[in-house]
Amino acid sequence: GICDFIVNLHHLPDQIEAYLTATYGASCSFTISREEEILGTGGGIRRVRHLLEMEPVFFVANADTVQWPPVGEAVHALDTQRAIASLVLRHPPQGDRYTAVYAAAGRVSGIGSGAGEALMFSGAHAISSRIFNHLPDRDFSGITEDVYIPLLRNGREPIAAVVHDGLWFDIGTPARFVEASHVVRRAILDGSVSLPGGSRIEASPALIVGDGAVVSDGTHESVVGGSSQIAPDAEVDRSILFDRATVGARCRVRDSIVANDVDLPPGTTVEGMLVSRRLGD
C-alpha cells in the first residue's frame, strides 16, 4: 500500500532515476534527493525534512538490501510504545560480523551493549517525525550514532524493537548478490515469493526467465533477464544474466553475473566473475 517514495541517489543517479520511473512510475510517485556529497543516514533524512516533517510516521530502508520488512508491525509498535523509532531486527546469519542491537520486552536497550537478546539491525525502521527534534543541525550525520545511541543513553525517547526473520540479504558485493538471487529464485520456484511480472518459470532446470529470452539445454539454476540470448551449445550454471545479454556458442558461464547488454564472444569461459560494460559503450 505504499506508493510515495523518496530515494537518495549519489552513484549513477540518472540511470537509477530513469529505471525507477520507467518500471514503477505508473503506480508509484518518486521524489529524488541527489546527494553530490554523501550526507549519511541522518543527513539524508534531514535534507528532505520539508517532505517528511508533516507526516506523523515515515519508513526508511537501506537500498543495498533485499528484504520484505513488516512495515505494518513496525508502525504499530511505534504507535503503541510512543517510540521515536521502531527498528526491525533479526537474528544474525552465522559467522557474519555486525554491531549487536540489544532488545528486551519489545524495546531496544542498547546498541553495541545492553540487556536482553543480541540481534542485528536489518536496515529498516519506522520513524516518528519527532526525529527532527534530535537530528544534528549539520549536513552530515548518522542516525544511529548521532540520534539513537544518545537517546538510549539519556532515556529521553524509547526505541521500539520488532524481530523479523523473514528473507533478508545484504547485496553490497557481487558474491552476496549472486547468493541472494539463488535463494530468492528458489523461493519463487516453491511459491513463497511471487514471480515478477514479465517472467516465466522453467522448473526442471530451476530457471527464472524474462520475456523474450532464449535459453539453452545447458542452462541450469539461473536467472535469465528479458531478451537475453544463450547459444544452443552454451552452458550457464548458477548465474545471473541481466537484460539483453548474449552468451555465444561454446561459452561456459558459472557462478557469475553478466550485466545488461554484455555480449560474450564464442568460446568465452566466465567463472566467479562480474562481467559488465562501460557506460556509453
Protein backbone atom coordinates (compact mmCIF):
# COMPACT_ATOMS: atom_id res chain seq x y z
CA GLY A 1 0.00 0.00 0.00
CA ILE A 2 2.98 2.34 -0.01
CA CYS A 3 3.15 4.38 -3.21
CA ASP A 4 5.11 7.54 -2.32
CA PHE A 5 8.89 7.19 -2.19
CA ILE A 6 11.85 9.45 -1.58
CA VAL A 7 15.06 8.00 -2.99
CA ASN A 8 18.53 9.21 -2.02
CA LEU A 9 20.86 9.00 -5.02
CA HIS A 10 24.60 9.51 -5.41
CA HIS A 11 26.20 6.92 -7.72
CA LEU A 12 24.71 6.70 -11.25
CA PRO A 13 21.70 8.87 -10.34
CA ASP A 14 20.43 9.37 -13.89
CA GLN A 15 20.31 5.65 -14.62
CA ILE A 16 18.60 4.77 -11.34
CA GLU A 17 16.01 7.53 -11.62
CA ALA A 18 15.21 6.52 -15.22
CA TYR A 19 14.81 2.88 -14.23
CA LEU A 20 12.53 3.62 -11.27
CA THR A 21 10.33 5.92 -13.31
CA ALA A 22 10.09 3.56 -16.29
CA THR A 23 9.45 0.45 -14.18
CA TYR A 24 7.22 1.74 -11.38
CA GLY A 25 6.16 5.22 -12.41
CA ALA A 26 2.63 4.18 -13.36
CA SER A 27 1.85 3.05 -9.82
CA CYS A 28 4.28 4.97 -7.58
CA SER A 29 5.45 8.52 -7.05
CA PHE A 30 9.20 9.14 -6.71
CA THR A 31 10.91 12.19 -5.28
CA ILE A 32 14.64 12.09 -5.93
CA SER A 33 17.11 13.54 -3.44
CA ARG A 34 20.51 13.76 -5.14
CA GLU A 35 23.47 13.88 -2.79
CA GLU A 36 26.53 15.33 -4.50
CA GLU A 37 28.34 14.58 -1.25
CA ILE A 38 27.22 11.64 0.87
CA LEU A 39 25.22 13.00 3.81
CA GLY A 40 24.93 9.88 5.97
CA THR A 41 21.84 8.10 7.27
CA GLY A 42 20.81 11.11 9.33
CA GLY A 43 21.85 13.86 6.95
CA GLY A 44 19.97 12.27 4.08
CA ILE A 45 16.75 12.36 6.11
CA ARG A 46 17.41 15.91 7.31
CA ARG A 47 17.86 17.07 3.70
CA VAL A 48 14.24 16.12 2.89
CA ARG A 49 12.79 17.36 6.16
CA HIS A 50 10.35 19.61 4.31
CA LEU A 51 8.80 16.50 2.74
CA LEU A 52 8.63 14.41 5.91
CA GLU A 53 8.05 16.59 8.95
CA MET A 54 4.30 16.95 8.32
CA GLU A 55 3.90 13.16 8.29
CA PRO A 56 3.48 11.51 11.72
CA VAL A 57 5.49 8.45 10.62
CA PHE A 58 7.70 7.52 7.69
CA PHE A 59 9.56 4.32 6.85
CA VAL A 60 13.25 4.06 5.90
CA ALA A 61 15.08 1.09 4.36
CA ASN A 62 18.65 0.61 3.20
CA ALA A 63 18.87 0.32 -0.57
CA ASP A 64 21.65 -2.28 -0.62
CA THR A 65 19.41 -4.92 0.96
CA VAL A 66 16.72 -7.22 -0.35
CA GLN A 67 14.03 -7.70 2.27
CA TRP A 68 10.31 -7.88 2.92
CA PRO A 69 10.07 -5.82 6.13
CA PRO A 70 6.93 -5.94 8.32
CA VAL A 71 6.00 -2.30 7.75
CA GLY A 72 2.62 -2.51 9.48
CA GLU A 73 4.05 -4.24 12.53
CA ALA A 74 6.84 -1.68 12.83
CA VAL A 75 4.41 1.24 12.61
CA HIS A 76 2.10 -0.41 15.17
CA ALA A 77 4.99 -0.89 17.62
CA LEU A 78 5.98 2.75 17.13
CA ASP A 79 2.46 3.92 17.92
CA THR A 80 1.70 1.67 20.87
CA GLN A 81 5.02 2.41 22.59
CA ARG A 82 5.03 6.09 21.64
CA ALA A 83 8.56 5.49 20.43
CA ILE A 84 10.78 7.78 18.40
CA ALA A 85 11.56 4.87 16.09
CA SER A 86 10.82 1.20 15.62
CA LEU A 87 13.80 -0.86 14.43
CA VAL A 88 13.29 -4.09 12.50
CA LEU A 89 15.80 -6.55 13.98
CA ARG A 90 16.72 -10.11 13.10
CA HIS A 91 18.81 -13.00 14.31
CA PRO A 92 22.16 -12.60 12.53
CA PRO A 93 23.50 -15.04 9.93
CA GLN A 94 26.08 -17.38 11.40
CA GLY A 95 29.62 -16.08 11.03
CA ASP A 96 28.53 -12.60 9.91
CA ARG A 97 30.03 -9.52 11.54
CA TYR A 98 27.58 -6.95 12.83
CA THR A 99 27.02 -4.39 15.57
CA ALA A 100 24.74 -6.00 18.13
CA VAL A 101 21.43 -4.29 18.87
CA TYR A 102 20.05 -5.49 22.19
CA ALA A 103 16.32 -5.91 22.65
CA ALA A 104 14.20 -6.75 25.68
CA ALA A 105 10.41 -6.62 26.16
CA GLY A 106 9.83 -5.10 22.74
CA ARG A 107 12.30 -2.25 23.14
CA VAL A 108 15.88 -1.58 22.15
CA SER A 109 18.00 -1.45 25.30
CA GLY A 110 21.32 -0.63 23.70
CA ILE A 111 23.46 -0.62 20.57
CA GLY A 112 26.85 -2.29 20.99
CA SER A 113 25.95 -3.21 24.57
CA GLY A 114 22.75 -3.64 26.52
CA ALA A 115 20.34 -6.03 28.18
CA GLY A 116 18.34 -8.78 26.52
CA GLU A 117 18.94 -10.56 23.23
CA ALA A 118 21.73 -9.53 20.86
CA LEU A 119 20.25 -9.06 17.38
CA MET A 120 21.18 -7.43 14.08
CA PHE A 121 19.61 -4.31 12.59
CA SER A 122 18.03 -5.09 9.22
CA GLY A 123 18.36 -1.55 7.88
CA ALA A 124 14.58 -0.97 8.01
CA HIS A 125 12.87 1.27 10.55
CA ALA A 126 9.67 3.21 11.08
CA ILE A 127 10.48 6.71 12.32
CA SER A 128 8.40 9.37 14.02
CA SER A 129 8.65 12.91 12.68
CA ARG A 130 9.82 13.85 16.19
CA ILE A 131 13.21 12.65 14.92
CA PHE A 132 13.77 16.15 13.54
CA ASN A 133 13.96 17.43 17.12
CA HIS A 134 17.06 15.29 17.61
CA LEU A 135 18.95 15.27 14.30
CA PRO A 136 22.10 17.40 14.42
CA ASP A 137 21.86 20.74 12.64
CA ARG A 138 24.57 19.96 10.13
CA ASP A 139 24.76 18.40 6.68
CA PHE A 140 26.34 15.04 7.59
CA SER A 141 25.15 12.82 10.41
CA GLY A 142 24.42 9.19 11.19
CA ILE A 143 21.04 8.35 12.65
CA THR A 144 22.42 5.52 14.78
CA GLU A 145 25.47 7.22 16.26
CA ASP A 146 24.06 10.76 16.44
CA VAL A 147 20.44 10.05 17.44
CA TYR A 148 19.63 6.50 18.53
CA ILE A 149 22.65 5.87 20.77
CA PRO A 150 22.41 9.23 22.61
CA LEU A 151 18.66 8.76 23.14
CA LEU A 152 19.20 5.28 24.54
CA ARG A 153 21.83 6.62 26.92
CA ASN A 154 19.77 9.51 28.25
CA GLY A 155 16.41 7.72 28.15
CA ARG A 156 14.59 10.69 26.65
CA GLU A 157 12.79 8.71 23.93
CA PRO A 158 12.06 4.97 23.72
CA ILE A 159 13.03 2.96 20.65
CA ALA A 160 10.81 0.00 19.82
CA ALA A 161 12.12 -3.35 18.55
CA VAL A 162 10.37 -5.64 16.07
CA VAL A 163 12.03 -9.02 15.44
CA HIS A 164 11.51 -10.39 11.96
CA ASP A 165 13.46 -13.31 10.50
CA GLY A 166 11.99 -13.36 7.00
CA LEU A 167 14.10 -13.41 3.86
CA TRP A 168 16.83 -10.78 4.12
CA PHE A 169 20.03 -10.20 2.17
CA ASP A 170 22.87 -7.71 2.09
CA ILE A 171 23.67 -7.35 -1.63
CA GLY A 172 26.59 -4.96 -1.23
CA THR A 173 29.04 -7.22 -3.08
CA PRO A 174 28.69 -9.28 -6.29
CA ALA A 175 29.10 -12.54 -4.34
CA ARG A 176 26.32 -11.58 -1.92
CA PHE A 177 24.13 -10.52 -4.84
CA VAL A 178 24.56 -13.93 -6.53
CA GLU A 179 23.77 -15.82 -3.33
CA ALA A 180 20.70 -13.67 -2.65
CA SER A 181 19.49 -14.26 -6.21
CA HIS A 182 19.72 -18.03 -5.79
CA VAL A 183 17.74 -18.01 -2.55
CA VAL A 184 15.04 -15.74 -3.99
CA ARG A 185 14.94 -17.81 -7.18
CA ARG A 186 14.30 -20.96 -5.13
CA ALA A 187 11.63 -19.12 -3.12
CA ILE A 188 9.90 -18.15 -6.37
CA LEU A 189 10.06 -21.73 -7.59
CA ASP A 190 8.45 -23.07 -4.41
CA GLY A 191 5.79 -20.34 -4.44
CA SER A 192 6.77 -18.50 -1.26
CA VAL A 193 7.76 -15.37 -3.26
CA SER A 194 5.71 -14.06 -6.17
CA LEU A 195 7.02 -14.39 -9.70
CA PRO A 196 7.96 -10.92 -11.04
CA GLY A 197 5.90 -9.63 -13.92
CA GLY A 198 7.36 -10.26 -17.33
CA SER A 199 8.96 -13.55 -16.25
CA ARG A 200 8.30 -17.25 -16.50
CA ILE A 201 9.36 -20.31 -14.54
CA GLU A 202 11.13 -23.27 -16.09
CA ALA A 203 11.08 -25.60 -13.11
CA SER A 204 13.04 -28.62 -14.31
CA PRO A 205 16.31 -26.70 -14.81
CA ALA A 206 15.27 -24.34 -11.95
CA LEU A 207 15.21 -21.17 -14.05
CA ILE A 208 13.51 -17.80 -13.85
CA VAL A 209 13.41 -16.43 -17.40
CA GLY A 210 12.44 -12.95 -18.58
CA ASP A 211 10.19 -12.28 -21.55
CA GLY A 212 11.87 -12.70 -24.91
CA ALA A 213 14.85 -14.63 -23.52
CA VAL A 214 16.16 -17.78 -25.21
CA VAL A 215 17.95 -20.37 -23.06
CA SER A 216 19.93 -23.48 -23.93
CA ASP A 217 19.56 -27.04 -22.69
CA GLY A 218 22.75 -26.38 -20.73
CA THR A 219 21.20 -23.57 -18.65
CA HIS A 220 20.59 -24.59 -15.03
CA GLU A 221 19.77 -22.94 -11.69
CA SER A 222 20.00 -19.44 -13.09
CA VAL A 223 18.12 -16.19 -13.65
CA VAL A 224 17.99 -15.00 -17.25
CA GLY A 225 16.88 -11.44 -17.96
CA GLY A 226 14.50 -10.30 -20.65
CA SER A 227 15.62 -10.61 -24.30
CA SER A 228 18.87 -12.34 -23.34
CA GLN A 229 20.11 -14.97 -25.77
CA ILE A 230 22.06 -18.12 -24.88
CA ALA A 231 23.51 -20.14 -27.75
CA PRO A 232 22.25 -23.74 -28.05
CA ASP A 233 25.63 -25.27 -27.13
CA ALA A 234 26.49 -22.78 -24.37
CA GLU A 235 26.37 -23.69 -20.68
CA VAL A 236 25.13 -21.33 -17.97
CA ASP A 237 25.07 -22.62 -14.40
CA ARG A 238 24.17 -20.86 -11.13
CA SER A 239 24.48 -17.45 -12.75
CA ILE A 240 22.56 -14.22 -13.19
CA LEU A 241 22.11 -12.71 -16.65
CA PHE A 242 20.65 -9.23 -16.78
CA ASP A 243 18.58 -7.97 -19.72
CA ARG A 244 19.74 -8.29 -23.35
CA ALA A 245 22.87 -10.29 -22.53
CA THR A 246 24.23 -12.58 -25.23
CA VAL A 247 26.13 -15.77 -24.45
CA GLY A 248 27.86 -17.02 -27.59
CA ALA A 249 28.49 -20.51 -28.88
CA ARG A 250 30.54 -22.85 -26.66
CA CYS A 251 30.60 -20.32 -23.79
CA ARG A 252 30.76 -21.56 -20.21
CA VAL A 253 29.32 -19.28 -17.50
CA ARG A 254 29.29 -20.40 -13.87
CA ASP A 255 28.63 -18.61 -10.55
CA SER A 256 28.75 -15.23 -12.29
CA ILE A 257 26.81 -12.07 -13.11
CA VAL A 258 26.56 -10.96 -16.74
CA ALA A 259 25.23 -7.41 -16.88
CA ASN A 260 22.89 -5.60 -19.27
CA ASP A 261 23.82 -5.67 -22.97
CA VAL A 262 27.02 -7.70 -22.48
CA ASP A 263 27.99 -9.85 -25.47
CA LEU A 264 30.19 -12.83 -24.57
CA PRO A 265 32.12 -13.92 -27.67
CA PRO A 266 32.07 -17.60 -28.67
CA GLY A 267 34.25 -19.83 -26.54
CA THR A 268 34.39 -17.48 -23.55
CA THR A 269 34.70 -19.04 -20.08
CA VAL A 270 33.48 -16.99 -17.12
CA GLU A 271 33.57 -18.33 -13.56
CA GLY A 272 33.03 -16.39 -10.34
CA MET A 273 33.04 -13.05 -12.16
CA LEU A 274 31.02 -9.90 -12.70
CA VAL A 275 31.08 -9.04 -16.40
CA SER A 276 29.93 -5.53 -17.22
CA ARG A 277 30.41 -2.84 -19.83
CA ARG A 278 31.44 0.76 -19.54
CA LEU A 279 28.60 3.24 -19.60
CA GLY A 280 28.35 4.76 -23.04
CA ASP A 281 29.87 1.73 -24.80
